N, C-alpha and C. Protein backbone atom coordinates (compact mmCIF):
# COMPACT_ATOMS: atom_id res chain seq x y z
N UNK A 1 -53.62 -30.96 60.86
CA UNK A 1 -54.55 -29.98 60.35
C UNK A 1 -54.83 -28.98 61.47
N UNK A 2 -54.71 -27.69 61.14
CA UNK A 2 -54.89 -26.66 62.16
C UNK A 2 -56.06 -25.72 61.87
N UNK A 3 -56.35 -25.53 60.57
CA UNK A 3 -57.38 -24.57 60.21
C UNK A 3 -58.37 -25.19 59.22
N UNK A 4 -59.58 -24.73 59.29
CA UNK A 4 -60.66 -25.22 58.43
C UNK A 4 -60.42 -24.79 56.98
N UNK A 5 -60.58 -25.72 56.08
CA UNK A 5 -60.39 -25.39 54.66
C UNK A 5 -61.62 -24.67 54.08
N UNK A 6 -62.69 -24.57 54.85
CA UNK A 6 -63.89 -23.86 54.40
C UNK A 6 -63.91 -22.41 54.88
N UNK A 7 -63.59 -22.19 56.18
CA UNK A 7 -63.72 -20.84 56.74
C UNK A 7 -62.44 -20.31 57.38
N UNK A 8 -61.38 -21.11 57.40
CA UNK A 8 -60.06 -20.74 57.92
C UNK A 8 -60.01 -20.57 59.44
N UNK A 9 -61.05 -20.97 60.14
CA UNK A 9 -61.05 -20.91 61.60
C UNK A 9 -60.26 -22.09 62.16
N UNK A 10 -59.82 -21.99 63.41
CA UNK A 10 -59.11 -23.12 64.04
C UNK A 10 -60.02 -24.35 64.14
N UNK A 11 -59.39 -25.53 64.08
CA UNK A 11 -60.16 -26.76 64.22
C UNK A 11 -59.66 -27.55 65.43
N UNK A 12 -60.50 -28.41 65.90
CA UNK A 12 -60.15 -29.29 67.01
C UNK A 12 -60.41 -30.73 66.60
N UNK A 13 -59.93 -31.64 67.43
CA UNK A 13 -60.13 -33.06 67.15
C UNK A 13 -61.10 -33.60 68.20
N UNK A 14 -62.25 -34.08 67.72
CA UNK A 14 -63.26 -34.63 68.63
C UNK A 14 -64.17 -35.58 67.86
N UNK A 15 -64.98 -36.32 68.61
CA UNK A 15 -65.94 -37.24 68.01
C UNK A 15 -67.22 -36.45 67.71
N UNK A 16 -67.53 -36.26 66.42
CA UNK A 16 -68.76 -35.52 66.09
C UNK A 16 -70.01 -36.31 66.50
N UNK A 17 -71.09 -35.61 66.71
CA UNK A 17 -72.35 -36.24 67.08
C UNK A 17 -72.73 -37.24 65.99
N UNK A 18 -73.10 -38.45 66.42
CA UNK A 18 -73.50 -39.49 65.48
C UNK A 18 -72.34 -40.28 64.90
N UNK A 19 -71.11 -39.95 65.29
CA UNK A 19 -69.92 -40.65 64.79
C UNK A 19 -69.32 -41.46 65.93
N UNK A 20 -68.31 -42.26 65.61
CA UNK A 20 -67.67 -43.07 66.64
C UNK A 20 -66.17 -42.84 66.72
N UNK A 21 -65.62 -42.07 65.80
CA UNK A 21 -64.18 -41.83 65.75
C UNK A 21 -63.86 -40.35 65.87
N UNK A 22 -62.71 -40.02 66.44
CA UNK A 22 -62.32 -38.60 66.48
C UNK A 22 -62.03 -38.09 65.07
N UNK A 23 -62.50 -36.89 64.80
CA UNK A 23 -62.31 -36.24 63.49
C UNK A 23 -61.85 -34.80 63.73
N UNK A 24 -61.28 -34.19 62.68
CA UNK A 24 -60.99 -32.76 62.74
C UNK A 24 -62.32 -32.04 62.48
N UNK A 25 -62.73 -31.19 63.43
CA UNK A 25 -63.99 -30.47 63.32
C UNK A 25 -63.71 -28.99 63.52
N UNK A 26 -64.26 -28.18 62.64
CA UNK A 26 -64.08 -26.72 62.74
C UNK A 26 -64.84 -26.20 63.96
N UNK A 27 -64.15 -25.40 64.76
CA UNK A 27 -64.75 -24.82 65.96
C UNK A 27 -65.81 -23.77 65.61
N UNK A 28 -65.73 -23.20 64.40
CA UNK A 28 -66.64 -22.13 64.01
C UNK A 28 -67.81 -22.64 63.16
N UNK A 29 -67.51 -23.23 62.00
CA UNK A 29 -68.59 -23.64 61.09
C UNK A 29 -69.02 -25.09 61.28
N UNK A 30 -68.33 -25.82 62.13
CA UNK A 30 -68.64 -27.22 62.46
C UNK A 30 -68.40 -28.20 61.30
N UNK A 31 -67.69 -27.78 60.27
CA UNK A 31 -67.37 -28.69 59.16
C UNK A 31 -66.49 -29.83 59.68
N UNK A 32 -66.79 -31.02 59.22
CA UNK A 32 -66.01 -32.20 59.61
C UNK A 32 -65.02 -32.50 58.49
N UNK A 33 -63.75 -32.63 58.85
CA UNK A 33 -62.70 -32.91 57.87
C UNK A 33 -62.24 -34.36 58.07
N UNK A 34 -62.65 -35.23 57.17
CA UNK A 34 -62.34 -36.66 57.27
C UNK A 34 -60.96 -36.95 56.73
N UNK A 35 -60.28 -37.88 57.35
CA UNK A 35 -59.00 -38.40 56.85
C UNK A 35 -59.26 -39.84 56.42
N UNK A 36 -59.09 -40.10 55.15
CA UNK A 36 -59.36 -41.42 54.61
C UNK A 36 -58.13 -41.97 53.90
N UNK A 37 -58.05 -43.29 53.77
CA UNK A 37 -56.90 -43.89 53.07
C UNK A 37 -56.80 -43.40 51.62
N UNK A 38 -55.59 -43.40 51.12
CA UNK A 38 -55.33 -43.04 49.72
C UNK A 38 -55.32 -44.30 48.87
N UNK A 39 -55.89 -44.21 47.68
CA UNK A 39 -55.87 -45.32 46.73
C UNK A 39 -54.64 -45.16 45.83
N UNK A 40 -53.80 -46.20 45.80
CA UNK A 40 -52.67 -46.26 44.89
C UNK A 40 -53.07 -47.23 43.78
N UNK A 41 -53.17 -46.74 42.57
CA UNK A 41 -53.53 -47.58 41.42
C UNK A 41 -52.26 -47.92 40.67
N UNK A 42 -52.07 -49.21 40.39
CA UNK A 42 -50.86 -49.66 39.71
C UNK A 42 -51.18 -50.61 38.58
N UNK A 43 -50.16 -50.87 37.78
CA UNK A 43 -50.32 -51.71 36.61
C UNK A 43 -49.08 -52.59 36.44
N UNK A 44 -49.32 -53.85 36.12
CA UNK A 44 -48.24 -54.76 35.74
C UNK A 44 -48.37 -54.95 34.23
N UNK A 45 -47.66 -54.12 33.45
CA UNK A 45 -47.74 -54.22 31.99
C UNK A 45 -46.93 -55.42 31.49
N UNK A 46 -47.51 -56.20 30.61
CA UNK A 46 -46.88 -57.41 30.09
C UNK A 46 -46.61 -57.27 28.59
N UNK A 47 -45.51 -57.89 28.16
CA UNK A 47 -45.20 -57.98 26.74
C UNK A 47 -44.38 -59.25 26.53
N UNK A 48 -44.91 -60.19 25.81
CA UNK A 48 -44.21 -61.44 25.46
C UNK A 48 -43.57 -62.11 26.68
N UNK A 49 -44.33 -62.27 27.74
CA UNK A 49 -43.83 -62.95 28.93
C UNK A 49 -42.91 -62.12 29.80
N UNK A 50 -42.81 -60.83 29.51
CA UNK A 50 -41.96 -59.93 30.29
C UNK A 50 -42.83 -58.88 30.99
N UNK A 51 -42.27 -58.29 32.03
CA UNK A 51 -42.96 -57.28 32.83
C UNK A 51 -42.23 -55.95 32.69
N UNK A 52 -42.99 -54.88 32.48
CA UNK A 52 -42.41 -53.55 32.38
C UNK A 52 -42.27 -52.94 33.77
N UNK A 53 -41.04 -52.56 34.11
CA UNK A 53 -40.77 -51.89 35.39
C UNK A 53 -40.10 -50.55 35.15
N UNK A 54 -40.30 -49.64 36.09
CA UNK A 54 -39.74 -48.30 36.02
C UNK A 54 -38.79 -48.07 37.18
N UNK A 55 -37.65 -47.45 36.90
CA UNK A 55 -36.73 -47.05 37.97
C UNK A 55 -37.08 -45.62 38.36
N UNK A 56 -37.44 -45.43 39.62
CA UNK A 56 -37.98 -44.16 40.10
C UNK A 56 -36.97 -43.01 40.02
N UNK A 57 -37.45 -41.86 39.56
CA UNK A 57 -36.63 -40.64 39.53
C UNK A 57 -36.98 -39.73 40.69
N UNK A 58 -38.00 -40.10 41.46
CA UNK A 58 -38.48 -39.24 42.54
C UNK A 58 -38.47 -39.99 43.87
N UNK A 59 -38.45 -39.22 44.94
CA UNK A 59 -38.58 -39.80 46.27
C UNK A 59 -40.06 -40.06 46.53
N UNK A 60 -40.39 -40.99 47.36
CA UNK A 60 -39.46 -41.84 48.10
C UNK A 60 -38.89 -42.95 47.24
N UNK A 61 -37.71 -43.40 47.62
CA UNK A 61 -37.02 -44.54 47.00
C UNK A 61 -36.58 -44.27 45.56
N UNK A 62 -36.09 -43.07 45.31
CA UNK A 62 -35.54 -42.76 43.98
C UNK A 62 -34.42 -43.74 43.67
N UNK A 63 -34.35 -44.17 42.42
CA UNK A 63 -33.32 -45.10 41.97
C UNK A 63 -33.71 -46.55 42.09
N UNK A 64 -34.85 -46.83 42.71
CA UNK A 64 -35.30 -48.21 42.85
C UNK A 64 -36.42 -48.51 41.85
N UNK A 65 -36.66 -49.79 41.60
CA UNK A 65 -37.60 -50.25 40.59
C UNK A 65 -39.00 -50.48 41.16
N UNK A 66 -40.00 -50.28 40.32
CA UNK A 66 -41.38 -50.52 40.67
C UNK A 66 -42.19 -50.73 39.40
N UNK A 67 -43.39 -51.26 39.54
CA UNK A 67 -44.30 -51.21 38.40
C UNK A 67 -44.95 -49.83 38.42
N UNK A 68 -45.47 -49.36 37.28
CA UNK A 68 -46.11 -48.03 37.26
C UNK A 68 -47.27 -47.98 38.25
N UNK A 69 -47.26 -46.97 39.11
CA UNK A 69 -48.31 -46.83 40.12
C UNK A 69 -48.28 -45.42 40.69
N UNK A 70 -49.42 -45.00 41.18
CA UNK A 70 -49.49 -43.70 41.82
C UNK A 70 -50.88 -43.45 42.37
N UNK A 71 -51.05 -42.30 42.99
CA UNK A 71 -52.32 -41.99 43.62
C UNK A 71 -53.40 -41.71 42.59
N UNK A 72 -54.56 -42.24 42.87
CA UNK A 72 -55.74 -42.04 42.04
C UNK A 72 -56.17 -40.58 42.13
N UNK A 73 -56.64 -40.04 41.03
CA UNK A 73 -57.13 -38.66 40.98
C UNK A 73 -58.66 -38.66 41.04
N UNK A 74 -59.22 -37.55 41.47
CA UNK A 74 -60.68 -37.40 41.48
C UNK A 74 -61.18 -37.50 40.03
N UNK A 75 -62.32 -38.14 39.88
CA UNK A 75 -62.94 -38.21 38.56
C UNK A 75 -62.46 -39.36 37.69
N UNK A 76 -61.59 -40.23 38.20
CA UNK A 76 -61.15 -41.37 37.40
C UNK A 76 -61.40 -42.67 38.14
N UNK A 77 -61.55 -43.74 37.39
CA UNK A 77 -61.70 -45.05 37.99
C UNK A 77 -60.32 -45.59 38.35
N UNK A 78 -60.28 -46.66 39.12
CA UNK A 78 -58.99 -47.25 39.47
C UNK A 78 -58.29 -47.75 38.20
N UNK A 79 -59.03 -48.32 37.28
CA UNK A 79 -58.44 -48.79 36.02
C UNK A 79 -57.88 -47.63 35.21
N UNK A 80 -58.63 -46.54 35.12
CA UNK A 80 -58.12 -45.35 34.41
C UNK A 80 -56.87 -44.81 35.08
N UNK A 81 -56.83 -44.81 36.39
CA UNK A 81 -55.66 -44.32 37.12
C UNK A 81 -54.44 -45.19 36.83
N UNK A 82 -54.61 -46.51 36.82
CA UNK A 82 -53.50 -47.42 36.52
C UNK A 82 -52.97 -47.21 35.11
N UNK A 83 -53.88 -47.05 34.16
CA UNK A 83 -53.46 -46.80 32.77
C UNK A 83 -52.77 -45.45 32.63
N UNK A 84 -53.29 -44.42 33.32
CA UNK A 84 -52.67 -43.10 33.29
C UNK A 84 -51.26 -43.13 33.87
N UNK A 85 -51.10 -43.81 35.01
CA UNK A 85 -49.79 -43.91 35.63
C UNK A 85 -48.79 -44.61 34.71
N UNK A 86 -49.25 -45.63 33.99
CA UNK A 86 -48.37 -46.32 33.04
C UNK A 86 -47.94 -45.38 31.92
N UNK A 87 -48.86 -44.57 31.43
CA UNK A 87 -48.52 -43.60 30.38
C UNK A 87 -47.58 -42.52 30.93
N UNK A 88 -47.84 -42.02 32.13
CA UNK A 88 -47.00 -40.97 32.71
C UNK A 88 -45.60 -41.46 33.04
N UNK A 89 -45.48 -42.65 33.62
CA UNK A 89 -44.18 -43.11 34.11
C UNK A 89 -43.36 -43.85 33.07
N UNK A 90 -44.04 -44.45 32.08
CA UNK A 90 -43.31 -45.26 31.08
C UNK A 90 -43.66 -44.88 29.65
N UNK A 91 -44.42 -43.84 29.45
CA UNK A 91 -44.93 -43.43 28.14
C UNK A 91 -45.43 -44.64 27.34
N UNK A 92 -46.07 -45.56 28.04
CA UNK A 92 -46.57 -46.79 27.43
C UNK A 92 -48.09 -46.84 27.54
N UNK A 93 -48.70 -47.39 26.50
CA UNK A 93 -50.15 -47.56 26.48
C UNK A 93 -50.47 -49.03 26.70
N UNK A 94 -51.47 -49.27 27.55
CA UNK A 94 -51.87 -50.64 27.86
C UNK A 94 -53.34 -50.86 27.51
N UNK A 95 -53.68 -52.14 27.36
CA UNK A 95 -55.06 -52.53 27.10
C UNK A 95 -55.33 -53.84 27.85
N UNK A 96 -56.57 -54.27 27.82
CA UNK A 96 -56.98 -55.51 28.49
C UNK A 96 -56.63 -55.48 29.98
N UNK A 97 -56.90 -54.39 30.62
CA UNK A 97 -56.62 -54.26 32.06
C UNK A 97 -57.58 -55.15 32.84
N UNK A 98 -56.99 -55.97 33.71
CA UNK A 98 -57.77 -56.87 34.55
C UNK A 98 -57.31 -56.72 35.99
N UNK A 99 -58.26 -56.58 36.89
CA UNK A 99 -57.92 -56.43 38.30
C UNK A 99 -57.14 -57.65 38.75
N UNK A 100 -55.99 -57.41 39.38
CA UNK A 100 -55.13 -58.51 39.81
C UNK A 100 -54.96 -58.56 41.34
N UNK A 101 -54.79 -57.41 41.97
CA UNK A 101 -54.41 -57.42 43.38
C UNK A 101 -55.02 -56.25 44.13
N UNK A 102 -55.39 -56.53 45.37
CA UNK A 102 -55.90 -55.52 46.28
C UNK A 102 -55.20 -55.73 47.61
N UNK A 103 -54.36 -54.77 48.00
CA UNK A 103 -53.60 -54.90 49.24
C UNK A 103 -53.84 -53.66 50.10
N UNK A 104 -54.38 -53.90 51.31
CA UNK A 104 -54.63 -52.82 52.26
C UNK A 104 -53.41 -52.64 53.15
N UNK A 105 -53.03 -51.38 53.34
CA UNK A 105 -51.89 -51.05 54.20
C UNK A 105 -52.36 -50.03 55.25
N UNK A 106 -53.11 -50.50 56.26
CA UNK A 106 -53.70 -49.57 57.23
C UNK A 106 -52.69 -48.73 58.01
N UNK A 107 -51.50 -49.26 58.22
CA UNK A 107 -50.48 -48.52 59.00
C UNK A 107 -50.11 -47.20 58.34
N UNK A 108 -50.12 -47.17 56.99
CA UNK A 108 -49.77 -45.93 56.29
C UNK A 108 -50.96 -45.33 55.54
N UNK A 109 -52.14 -45.91 55.72
CA UNK A 109 -53.35 -45.34 55.12
C UNK A 109 -53.38 -45.42 53.61
N UNK A 110 -52.95 -46.55 53.04
CA UNK A 110 -52.99 -46.73 51.60
C UNK A 110 -53.64 -48.06 51.25
N UNK A 111 -54.27 -48.10 50.08
CA UNK A 111 -54.81 -49.32 49.51
C UNK A 111 -54.27 -49.42 48.09
N UNK A 112 -53.53 -50.51 47.80
CA UNK A 112 -53.00 -50.74 46.46
C UNK A 112 -54.01 -51.53 45.64
N UNK A 113 -54.42 -50.98 44.50
CA UNK A 113 -55.29 -51.66 43.55
C UNK A 113 -54.46 -51.82 42.28
N UNK A 114 -54.10 -53.07 41.96
CA UNK A 114 -53.16 -53.33 40.87
C UNK A 114 -53.83 -54.16 39.77
N UNK A 115 -53.59 -53.75 38.53
CA UNK A 115 -54.14 -54.41 37.36
C UNK A 115 -53.04 -55.09 36.57
N UNK A 116 -53.38 -56.18 35.89
CA UNK A 116 -52.53 -56.78 34.85
C UNK A 116 -53.01 -56.18 33.54
N UNK A 117 -52.09 -55.93 32.63
CA UNK A 117 -52.48 -55.36 31.33
C UNK A 117 -51.46 -55.75 30.27
N UNK A 118 -51.87 -55.66 29.04
CA UNK A 118 -50.98 -55.92 27.91
C UNK A 118 -50.51 -54.58 27.34
N UNK A 119 -49.22 -54.49 27.06
CA UNK A 119 -48.71 -53.32 26.34
C UNK A 119 -49.27 -53.36 24.93
N UNK A 120 -49.68 -52.21 24.42
CA UNK A 120 -50.16 -52.13 23.05
C UNK A 120 -49.02 -52.40 22.07
N UNK A 121 -47.82 -51.96 22.44
CA UNK A 121 -46.62 -52.19 21.63
C UNK A 121 -45.42 -52.16 22.59
N UNK A 122 -44.28 -52.65 22.13
CA UNK A 122 -43.10 -52.62 23.01
C UNK A 122 -42.38 -51.27 22.98
N UNK A 123 -43.12 -50.23 22.72
CA UNK A 123 -42.55 -48.89 22.68
C UNK A 123 -42.81 -48.20 24.02
N UNK A 124 -41.74 -47.80 24.68
CA UNK A 124 -41.84 -47.13 25.97
C UNK A 124 -40.57 -46.34 26.19
N UNK A 125 -40.63 -45.41 27.12
CA UNK A 125 -39.47 -44.61 27.49
C UNK A 125 -39.76 -43.99 28.85
N UNK A 126 -38.73 -43.53 29.54
CA UNK A 126 -38.96 -42.94 30.87
C UNK A 126 -39.82 -41.69 30.80
N UNK A 127 -40.82 -41.63 31.66
CA UNK A 127 -41.59 -40.42 31.84
C UNK A 127 -40.86 -39.52 32.82
N UNK A 128 -41.48 -38.44 33.22
CA UNK A 128 -40.81 -37.47 34.09
C UNK A 128 -40.51 -38.03 35.48
N UNK A 129 -41.21 -39.09 35.91
CA UNK A 129 -40.98 -39.65 37.24
C UNK A 129 -40.09 -40.89 37.21
N UNK A 130 -39.55 -41.21 36.03
CA UNK A 130 -38.73 -42.42 35.88
C UNK A 130 -37.36 -42.09 35.31
N UNK A 131 -36.36 -42.80 35.81
CA UNK A 131 -35.00 -42.68 35.28
C UNK A 131 -34.79 -43.62 34.11
N UNK A 132 -35.46 -44.76 34.17
CA UNK A 132 -35.23 -45.84 33.22
C UNK A 132 -36.48 -46.72 33.22
N UNK A 133 -36.77 -47.33 32.08
CA UNK A 133 -37.90 -48.25 31.96
C UNK A 133 -37.41 -49.45 31.16
N UNK A 134 -37.67 -50.66 31.68
CA UNK A 134 -37.21 -51.87 30.99
C UNK A 134 -38.21 -53.00 31.15
N UNK A 135 -38.16 -53.93 30.19
CA UNK A 135 -38.90 -55.17 30.30
C UNK A 135 -38.02 -56.20 30.99
N UNK A 136 -38.60 -56.97 31.91
CA UNK A 136 -37.87 -57.99 32.65
C UNK A 136 -38.58 -59.33 32.53
N UNK A 137 -37.81 -60.37 32.22
CA UNK A 137 -38.33 -61.73 32.35
C UNK A 137 -38.53 -61.97 33.85
N UNK A 138 -39.53 -62.76 34.23
CA UNK A 138 -39.76 -62.99 35.66
C UNK A 138 -38.53 -63.45 36.44
N UNK A 139 -37.64 -64.20 35.80
CA UNK A 139 -36.44 -64.67 36.52
C UNK A 139 -35.32 -63.63 36.55
N UNK A 140 -35.56 -62.47 35.96
CA UNK A 140 -34.54 -61.40 35.94
C UNK A 140 -34.99 -60.14 36.67
N UNK A 141 -36.11 -60.21 37.38
CA UNK A 141 -36.58 -59.05 38.13
C UNK A 141 -35.53 -58.69 39.19
N UNK A 142 -35.18 -57.41 39.31
CA UNK A 142 -34.17 -57.00 40.30
C UNK A 142 -34.76 -56.94 41.72
N UNK A 143 -34.99 -58.11 42.30
CA UNK A 143 -35.69 -58.21 43.59
C UNK A 143 -35.06 -57.37 44.69
N UNK A 144 -33.74 -57.32 44.72
CA UNK A 144 -33.06 -56.56 45.79
C UNK A 144 -33.05 -55.05 45.52
N UNK A 145 -33.62 -54.63 44.39
CA UNK A 145 -33.65 -53.22 44.05
C UNK A 145 -35.07 -52.70 43.86
N UNK A 146 -36.06 -53.40 44.40
CA UNK A 146 -37.44 -52.94 44.30
C UNK A 146 -37.71 -51.86 45.34
N UNK A 147 -38.51 -50.89 44.97
CA UNK A 147 -38.71 -49.70 45.79
C UNK A 147 -39.49 -49.95 47.07
N UNK A 148 -40.49 -50.81 47.01
CA UNK A 148 -41.38 -50.96 48.16
C UNK A 148 -41.67 -52.43 48.43
N UNK A 149 -41.84 -52.76 49.70
CA UNK A 149 -42.15 -54.12 50.09
C UNK A 149 -43.43 -54.62 49.43
N UNK A 150 -44.45 -53.76 49.36
CA UNK A 150 -45.72 -54.17 48.77
C UNK A 150 -45.56 -54.49 47.28
N UNK A 151 -44.71 -53.77 46.58
CA UNK A 151 -44.45 -54.05 45.16
C UNK A 151 -43.79 -55.42 45.03
N UNK A 152 -42.82 -55.71 45.87
CA UNK A 152 -42.16 -57.01 45.84
C UNK A 152 -43.16 -58.12 46.15
N UNK A 153 -44.01 -57.90 47.13
CA UNK A 153 -45.01 -58.89 47.52
C UNK A 153 -45.96 -59.20 46.35
N UNK A 154 -46.45 -58.16 45.70
CA UNK A 154 -47.37 -58.34 44.58
C UNK A 154 -46.67 -59.00 43.40
N UNK A 155 -45.44 -58.57 43.10
CA UNK A 155 -44.70 -59.16 41.97
C UNK A 155 -44.34 -60.62 42.22
N UNK A 156 -43.98 -60.97 43.46
CA UNK A 156 -43.68 -62.39 43.77
C UNK A 156 -44.93 -63.25 43.53
N UNK A 157 -46.05 -62.76 43.96
CA UNK A 157 -47.29 -63.50 43.74
C UNK A 157 -47.59 -63.58 42.24
N UNK A 158 -47.37 -62.50 41.52
CA UNK A 158 -47.60 -62.47 40.08
C UNK A 158 -46.73 -63.50 39.36
N UNK A 159 -45.45 -63.56 39.70
CA UNK A 159 -44.53 -64.52 39.07
C UNK A 159 -45.00 -65.94 39.37
N UNK A 160 -45.40 -66.20 40.60
CA UNK A 160 -45.91 -67.51 40.98
C UNK A 160 -47.19 -67.84 40.19
N UNK A 161 -48.10 -66.88 40.09
CA UNK A 161 -49.34 -67.10 39.36
C UNK A 161 -49.09 -67.32 37.87
N UNK A 162 -48.11 -66.60 37.31
CA UNK A 162 -47.77 -66.78 35.90
C UNK A 162 -47.27 -68.20 35.66
N UNK A 163 -46.43 -68.69 36.55
CA UNK A 163 -45.91 -70.06 36.42
C UNK A 163 -47.03 -71.09 36.52
N UNK A 164 -48.03 -70.82 37.37
CA UNK A 164 -49.15 -71.75 37.56
C UNK A 164 -50.29 -71.54 36.57
N UNK A 165 -50.28 -70.40 35.87
CA UNK A 165 -51.38 -70.07 34.97
C UNK A 165 -52.67 -69.72 35.69
N UNK A 166 -52.56 -69.34 36.96
CA UNK A 166 -53.73 -69.02 37.78
C UNK A 166 -53.63 -67.57 38.23
N UNK A 167 -54.57 -66.73 37.77
CA UNK A 167 -54.54 -65.32 38.12
C UNK A 167 -55.73 -64.95 38.98
N UNK A 168 -55.96 -65.70 40.05
CA UNK A 168 -57.04 -65.36 40.98
C UNK A 168 -56.75 -64.01 41.61
N UNK A 169 -57.81 -63.31 41.96
CA UNK A 169 -57.63 -62.03 42.62
C UNK A 169 -56.84 -62.22 43.90
N UNK A 170 -55.77 -61.46 44.05
CA UNK A 170 -54.89 -61.54 45.22
C UNK A 170 -55.30 -60.43 46.17
N UNK A 171 -55.77 -60.80 47.36
CA UNK A 171 -56.18 -59.83 48.38
C UNK A 171 -55.36 -60.10 49.63
N UNK A 172 -54.79 -59.03 50.21
CA UNK A 172 -53.96 -59.19 51.40
C UNK A 172 -54.00 -57.90 52.21
N UNK A 173 -53.53 -58.00 53.43
CA UNK A 173 -53.33 -56.86 54.32
C UNK A 173 -51.88 -56.85 54.76
N UNK A 174 -51.25 -55.71 54.68
CA UNK A 174 -49.89 -55.54 55.18
C UNK A 174 -50.03 -54.68 56.43
N UNK A 175 -49.72 -55.25 57.55
CA UNK A 175 -49.91 -54.52 58.81
C UNK A 175 -48.68 -53.80 59.27
């Protein structure tokens, strides 16, 4: 960050009065520009013991599989964001969303908030960010073709929990 988004003056990095961390601070208007982690809201849509996955049409990791997920928008809850991402990426509607996983990734400044949900119907198709959308039995998930380590980590836990019938909230940190 080089210029203030309020007054367009140059900014510097320093610890503001009353704070403990360096922040971007405008040299002119003294506005503090905070950098905070991004919330990634995701959904594991289920239908008859299968999981809906999307093959990414966009970078990063285009061509690889993931559950529907993306950055939360202002004005929406994490649950609304997960449902919206499912509609955008798989043109699928979900219901009965239940918080399943919370994974902090401090190295890249992201927090994954993932819900389990039921597809309203088995009708889905690729959205603009997906090349392909399919239902997978847990034993047929393309593990070597998953887009992100955190997605694989959450899905492995999900498959294990499904086998055990225990869906305790999964909380982890990926360093």
